[in-house]
Amino acid sequence: MDIMETIREQVENNAIILYMKGSPNQPQCGFSARTVQALMECGQRFAYVDILSNPEIRANLPAYGNWPTFPQLWIKGELIGGCDIIADMHQKGELKPIMDEAAPAPEA
């Protein structure tokens, strides 16, 4: 499968996905750590891709989303932004409602 197709499937098949350096439990840069903290404080589960262990995604995602830096947060197929945007949205109380709306309903 073409790498751009892989990225498209990841973005479309995960309501909330974060492309980051490292993992939520072990972020490998301060920007990823700050972003993960904001997402976790919103209380919704999210998928993630470690771009350090996926160099093809790291090389091609900036072209896919027309966004040059990491981390990148995608919600419902739309690029929300990077660390500064996510931190700002979280501080203003704008991030949690978007994540709550996007998150899959809990199974009964």
Protein backbone atom coordinates (compact mmCIF):
# COMPACT_ATOMS: atom_id res chain seq x y z
CA MET A 1 0.00 0.00 0.00
CA ASP A 2 1.21 3.50 -0.84
CA ILE A 3 2.29 5.52 2.21
CA MET A 4 -0.15 8.34 1.42
CA GLU A 5 -2.95 5.76 1.28
CA THR A 6 -1.82 4.40 4.66
CA ILE A 7 -1.91 7.90 6.17
CA ARG A 8 -5.33 8.58 4.63
CA GLU A 9 -6.71 5.33 6.12
CA GLN A 10 -5.27 6.14 9.55
CA VAL A 11 -6.78 9.62 9.53
CA GLU A 12 -10.17 8.42 8.25
CA ASN A 13 -10.44 5.30 10.42
CA ASN A 14 -9.55 6.90 13.75
CA ALA A 15 -11.87 9.56 15.15
CA ILE A 16 -8.97 11.08 17.10
CA ILE A 17 -5.37 10.40 16.08
CA LEU A 18 -2.15 12.03 17.15
CA TYR A 19 1.05 11.80 15.14
CA MET A 20 3.79 12.33 17.70
CA LYS A 21 7.36 11.60 18.68
CA GLY A 22 7.25 8.62 21.02
CA SER A 23 4.14 7.29 22.75
CA PRO A 24 1.64 8.85 25.15
CA ASN A 25 3.36 7.04 28.03
CA GLN A 26 6.85 8.00 26.83
CA PRO A 27 6.81 11.14 24.67
CA GLN A 28 10.17 11.80 23.05
CA CYS A 29 9.94 15.59 22.84
CA GLY A 30 8.46 18.39 24.91
CA PHE A 31 5.92 19.39 22.27
CA SER A 32 4.54 15.85 22.10
CA ALA A 33 4.47 15.67 25.91
CA ARG A 34 2.48 18.93 26.19
CA THR A 35 0.05 17.81 23.51
CA VAL A 36 -0.52 14.40 25.12
CA GLN A 37 -1.11 16.06 28.50
CA ALA A 38 -3.81 18.31 27.00
CA LEU A 39 -5.48 15.36 25.24
CA MET A 40 -5.41 13.15 28.34
CA GLU A 41 -6.96 15.93 30.44
CA CYS A 42 -9.90 15.90 28.02
CA GLY A 43 -10.61 12.30 29.04
CA GLN A 44 -11.15 10.67 25.63
CA ARG A 45 -9.19 7.80 24.16
CA PHE A 46 -7.14 8.57 21.08
CA ALA A 47 -5.01 6.67 18.62
CA TYR A 48 -1.41 7.62 18.05
CA VAL A 49 1.41 6.95 15.62
CA ASP A 50 5.03 7.22 16.74
CA ILE A 51 6.69 8.98 13.81
CA LEU A 52 10.16 8.12 15.13
CA SER A 53 9.51 4.42 14.52
CA ASN A 54 7.63 5.16 11.26
CA PRO A 55 10.08 7.23 9.17
CA GLU A 56 7.98 6.98 6.00
CA ILE A 57 5.02 8.56 7.79
CA ARG A 58 7.31 11.17 9.32
CA ALA A 59 8.61 12.06 5.86
CA ASN A 60 5.22 12.16 4.10
CA LEU A 61 2.64 13.39 6.63
CA PRO A 62 3.71 17.05 6.30
CA ALA A 63 2.81 16.92 2.59
CA TYR A 64 -0.46 15.08 3.28
CA GLY A 65 -1.69 17.65 5.79
CA ASN A 66 0.20 20.67 4.50
CA TRP A 67 1.57 21.08 8.05
CA PRO A 68 5.36 20.92 8.49
CA THR A 69 5.81 20.07 12.17
CA PHE A 70 4.96 17.43 14.76
CA PRO A 71 2.92 16.58 16.72
CA GLN A 72 -0.17 16.72 14.53
CA LEU A 73 -3.67 16.15 15.91
CA TRP A 74 -6.40 14.98 13.55
CA ILE A 75 -10.04 14.77 14.63
CA LYS A 76 -12.72 13.30 12.38
CA GLY A 77 -10.40 13.47 9.38
CA GLU A 78 -9.50 17.14 9.89
CA LEU A 79 -6.11 18.48 10.90
CA ILE A 80 -6.58 20.47 14.10
CA GLY A 81 -2.96 21.56 14.47
CA GLY A 82 0.19 21.17 16.51
CA CYS A 83 1.27 21.71 20.08
CA ASP A 84 0.66 25.46 20.38
CA ILE A 85 -2.80 25.29 18.81
CA ILE A 86 -3.81 22.28 20.94
CA ALA A 87 -2.51 23.88 24.16
CA ASP A 88 -4.33 27.12 23.34
CA MET A 89 -7.59 25.32 22.53
CA HIS A 90 -7.31 23.28 25.74
CA GLN A 91 -6.67 26.39 27.85
CA LYS A 92 -9.73 28.09 26.33
CA GLY A 93 -11.93 25.02 26.91
CA GLU A 94 -12.38 24.45 23.16
CA LEU A 95 -10.59 21.09 22.82
CA LYS A 96 -12.70 18.87 25.11
CA PRO A 97 -16.04 19.51 23.33
CA ILE A 98 -14.48 18.67 19.95
CA MET A 99 -12.95 15.47 21.35
CA ASP A 100 -16.17 14.52 23.16
CA GLU A 101 -18.16 14.93 19.95
CA ALA A 102 -15.67 12.91 17.91
CA ALA A 103 -15.14 10.07 20.37
CA PRO A 104 -16.95 6.83 19.67
CA ALA A 105 -19.88 6.14 21.98
CA PRO A 106 -19.04 3.71 24.77
CA GLU A 107 -20.26 0.20 24.16
CA ALA A 108 -23.19 -0.90 26.30
